[in-house]
Protein backbone atom coordinates (compact mmCIF):
# COMPACT_ATOMS: atom_id res chain seq x y z
CA MET A 1 26.30 -50.70 -47.82
CA ASP A 2 27.67 -49.13 -50.56
CA LYS A 3 27.50 -49.53 -54.17
CA HIS A 4 30.83 -50.75 -54.97
CA GLU A 5 32.54 -54.31 -54.87
CA ILE A 6 32.78 -55.27 -51.37
CA LYS A 7 35.14 -58.98 -50.44
CA LEU A 8 34.07 -60.79 -47.13
CA PRO A 9 36.05 -63.89 -45.41
CA LEU A 10 33.30 -66.71 -45.32
CA PRO A 11 33.12 -68.29 -41.74
CA ARG A 12 34.60 -71.53 -42.73
CA SER A 13 36.84 -70.82 -46.04
CA GLY A 14 36.12 -69.02 -49.14
CA THR A 15 36.00 -65.47 -49.99
CA LEU A 16 32.01 -63.79 -50.84
CA THR A 17 32.12 -61.08 -52.51
CA LEU A 18 29.02 -58.72 -53.98
CA ARG A 19 29.62 -56.70 -56.75
CA PRO A 20 26.66 -54.33 -58.55
CA VAL A 21 24.55 -55.81 -61.00
CA THR A 22 25.11 -54.89 -64.95
CA SER A 23 22.83 -55.90 -68.02
CA ALA A 24 25.51 -59.17 -68.76
CA ASP A 25 23.98 -60.85 -65.29
CA ASP A 26 21.10 -60.67 -66.57
CA GLN A 27 20.60 -64.43 -67.39
CA PHE A 28 22.43 -65.63 -65.03
CA LEU A 29 19.99 -63.59 -62.11
CA LEU A 30 17.21 -65.18 -64.32
CA SER A 31 18.80 -68.52 -63.61
CA VAL A 32 18.53 -67.41 -60.03
CA TYR A 33 15.45 -66.44 -59.78
CA HIS A 34 14.14 -69.61 -61.90
CA SER A 35 15.81 -71.87 -59.31
CA THR A 36 13.85 -70.45 -56.30
CA ARG A 37 10.21 -71.25 -58.03
CA ALA A 38 11.44 -74.49 -59.37
CA ASP A 39 9.18 -76.54 -56.76
CA GLU A 40 6.42 -74.19 -57.22
CA LEU A 41 6.52 -74.28 -61.46
CA SER A 42 7.41 -78.50 -61.06
CA GLN A 43 3.52 -78.68 -59.94
CA ALA A 44 2.52 -77.26 -63.47
CA GLU A 45 2.66 -78.80 -66.96
CA TRP A 46 3.87 -76.21 -69.53
CA GLN A 47 4.48 -76.22 -73.02
CA GLU A 48 7.77 -75.98 -74.91
CA GLY A 49 8.83 -72.84 -74.15
CA GLN A 50 6.19 -71.57 -71.67
CA GLU A 51 8.01 -71.56 -68.67
CA GLN A 52 11.02 -69.88 -69.31
CA LEU A 53 8.58 -67.15 -70.56
CA PHE A 54 6.44 -67.40 -67.64
CA VAL A 55 9.79 -67.03 -65.07
CA LYS A 56 10.83 -64.23 -67.77
CA TRP A 57 8.26 -62.44 -67.31
CA GLN A 58 7.45 -63.06 -63.06
CA PHE A 59 11.48 -62.10 -63.32
CA ASP A 60 10.37 -58.09 -64.85
CA LEU A 61 7.60 -57.69 -62.69
CA GLN A 62 9.62 -58.58 -59.42
CA ARG A 63 11.95 -56.20 -60.74
CA ARG A 64 10.03 -53.31 -62.07
CA GLU A 65 7.90 -53.40 -58.39
CA TYR A 66 11.13 -52.62 -56.32
CA ASP A 67 12.51 -50.27 -58.64
CA THR A 68 8.81 -48.50 -58.32
CA ARG A 69 9.23 -48.81 -54.15
CA PHE A 70 13.03 -48.75 -53.58
CA PRO A 71 13.86 -46.41 -56.80
CA ASP A 72 17.41 -46.15 -55.01
CA ALA A 73 17.82 -49.93 -54.25
CA ASP A 74 21.02 -51.78 -54.26
CA TYR A 75 21.33 -54.68 -56.71
CA PHE A 76 24.31 -56.94 -56.28
CA MET A 77 25.48 -59.99 -57.56
CA ILE A 78 26.90 -62.63 -54.80
CA LEU A 79 30.12 -64.51 -55.68
CA ILE A 80 32.02 -67.13 -54.40
CA ASP A 81 35.07 -67.60 -54.73
CA ASP A 82 34.53 -65.52 -57.96
CA SER A 83 32.02 -67.94 -59.14
CA PRO A 84 28.86 -65.98 -59.31
CA ALA A 85 26.38 -67.75 -56.74
CA GLY A 86 23.50 -65.75 -55.93
CA ARG A 87 21.95 -62.00 -55.84
CA ILE A 88 20.80 -59.35 -53.11
CA TRP A 89 18.35 -56.93 -53.35
CA ILE A 90 18.38 -54.06 -50.55
CA GLY A 91 15.94 -51.12 -50.76
CA ARG A 92 16.25 -48.42 -48.30
CA ASP A 93 13.66 -45.71 -47.17
CA ALA A 94 13.26 -42.73 -43.99
CA GLU A 95 11.44 -46.04 -42.06
CA GLN A 96 13.35 -48.90 -42.78
CA ILE A 97 15.91 -51.27 -44.18
CA ARG A 98 14.34 -53.81 -46.76
CA LEU A 99 15.77 -56.83 -47.32
CA LEU A 100 13.77 -57.65 -51.16
CA ASP A 101 15.37 -60.40 -52.21
CA ILE A 102 18.31 -62.76 -51.06
CA ALA A 103 18.76 -66.03 -52.94
CA LEU A 104 22.37 -68.56 -53.77
CA ARG A 105 21.81 -71.04 -56.10
CA PRO A 106 21.87 -74.40 -54.30
CA GLU A 107 25.45 -75.38 -54.48
CA PHE A 108 26.43 -72.55 -52.48
CA GLN A 109 23.80 -72.75 -49.46
CA ASN A 110 25.34 -73.90 -45.96
CA ARG A 111 27.99 -71.91 -46.51
CA GLY A 112 27.62 -69.01 -44.01
CA ALA A 113 26.86 -66.63 -47.24
CA GLY A 114 23.33 -65.96 -46.21
CA THR A 115 24.38 -64.94 -42.23
CA LEU A 116 27.24 -63.58 -42.95
CA LEU A 117 24.99 -60.61 -45.42
CA LEU A 118 22.06 -60.86 -42.78
CA ARG A 119 24.50 -59.52 -39.98
CA ARG A 120 26.29 -57.15 -42.19
CA LEU A 121 22.35 -55.78 -42.47
CA ILE A 122 21.43 -56.24 -38.86
CA ASP A 123 24.45 -54.16 -38.25
CA GLU A 124 23.71 -51.57 -40.52
CA ALA A 125 19.91 -51.35 -38.64
CA ARG A 126 21.38 -51.00 -35.59
CA ARG A 127 24.09 -48.49 -36.67
CA VAL A 128 20.55 -46.26 -38.38
CA GLY A 129 18.46 -47.73 -35.97
CA LYS A 130 15.71 -48.77 -38.17
CA PRO A 131 13.96 -52.30 -38.72
CA LEU A 132 15.41 -54.80 -41.50
CA ARG A 133 12.12 -56.72 -42.94
CA HIS A 134 11.65 -59.48 -45.44
CA MET A 135 8.82 -60.75 -46.71
CA VAL A 136 9.17 -64.56 -46.32
CA PHE A 137 6.97 -67.37 -48.45
CA VAL A 138 4.54 -69.08 -46.01
CA LEU A 139 5.73 -72.60 -47.24
CA ASN A 140 9.64 -71.84 -47.15
CA ASN A 141 9.82 -73.55 -43.43
CA ASP A 142 14.06 -73.46 -44.00
CA ALA A 143 13.56 -69.60 -44.47
CA HIS A 144 11.31 -68.95 -42.06
CA ARG A 145 13.37 -70.78 -38.92
CA PHE A 146 16.74 -69.40 -40.68
CA TYR A 147 15.28 -65.82 -40.07
CA GLU A 148 13.85 -66.41 -36.94
CA ARG A 149 17.61 -68.36 -35.66
CA LEU A 150 18.88 -64.49 -36.80
CA GLY A 151 16.35 -62.65 -34.53
CA PHE A 152 13.49 -61.58 -37.02
CA VAL A 153 10.25 -62.39 -35.57
CA VAL A 154 7.15 -61.99 -38.29
CA ILE A 155 4.69 -58.77 -37.64
CA GLU A 156 2.53 -59.75 -40.47
CA ASP A 157 0.84 -62.85 -41.97
CA LEU A 158 0.00 -62.01 -45.71
CA GLY A 159 -1.20 -65.38 -46.81
CA ALA A 160 1.24 -66.61 -48.58
CA TYR A 161 3.62 -64.49 -47.42
CA LYS A 162 4.90 -64.00 -43.76
CA HIS A 163 6.32 -60.37 -43.25
CA MET A 164 9.68 -60.55 -40.84
CA GLU A 165 11.34 -58.32 -39.00
CA TRP A 166 14.50 -57.53 -36.84
CA ARG A 167 14.41 -54.71 -34.75
CA MET A 168 16.57 -53.55 -31.68
CA SER A 169 15.17 -54.38 -28.73
CA GLU A 170 13.86 -51.31 -26.69
CA PRO A 171 15.88 -50.78 -23.65
CA SER A 172 14.40 -51.03 -20.20
CA ALA A 173 13.15 -48.77 -18.49
CA VAL A 174 13.83 -47.72 -14.96
CA ALA A 175 11.08 -47.66 -12.68
CA ASP A 176 12.26 -44.91 -10.32
CA GLY A 177 11.92 -45.43 -7.13
């Protein structure tokens, strides 16, 4: 995927647009990040304003980590029918394509957007001959099943996260005979 705006038809109806993130997107991106942590954050009791500060701190740490590991990463807004719907972060290096993060607001889920975006990354991985990797939170069973349906396998269990990978299957060796 390049850094320009990309428009794609969704499988059932509508249009998915990817466009590079701008500073004007910060509040929306923070709200998407917060929505991905809602179940986890509801476990704690927060003083007024603490939860928002914590989420902002975590969001900033995550972005700095990605920027350090993948300085040329692509950061895209996902729009569905021109409405902000989510985000996708993609890193690349000599060994891999790394899906750093993908998140859709709940009201935009189950419309085929995630599958469409992952299939595009799988096609890229196939074209360049690199594995496509992603970390999945161990308690996120829906995500785990989603990636397995697309051909990802767990390559490492890291406690709180499962390191998953899609790779092109090796061509079968033909026996000499």
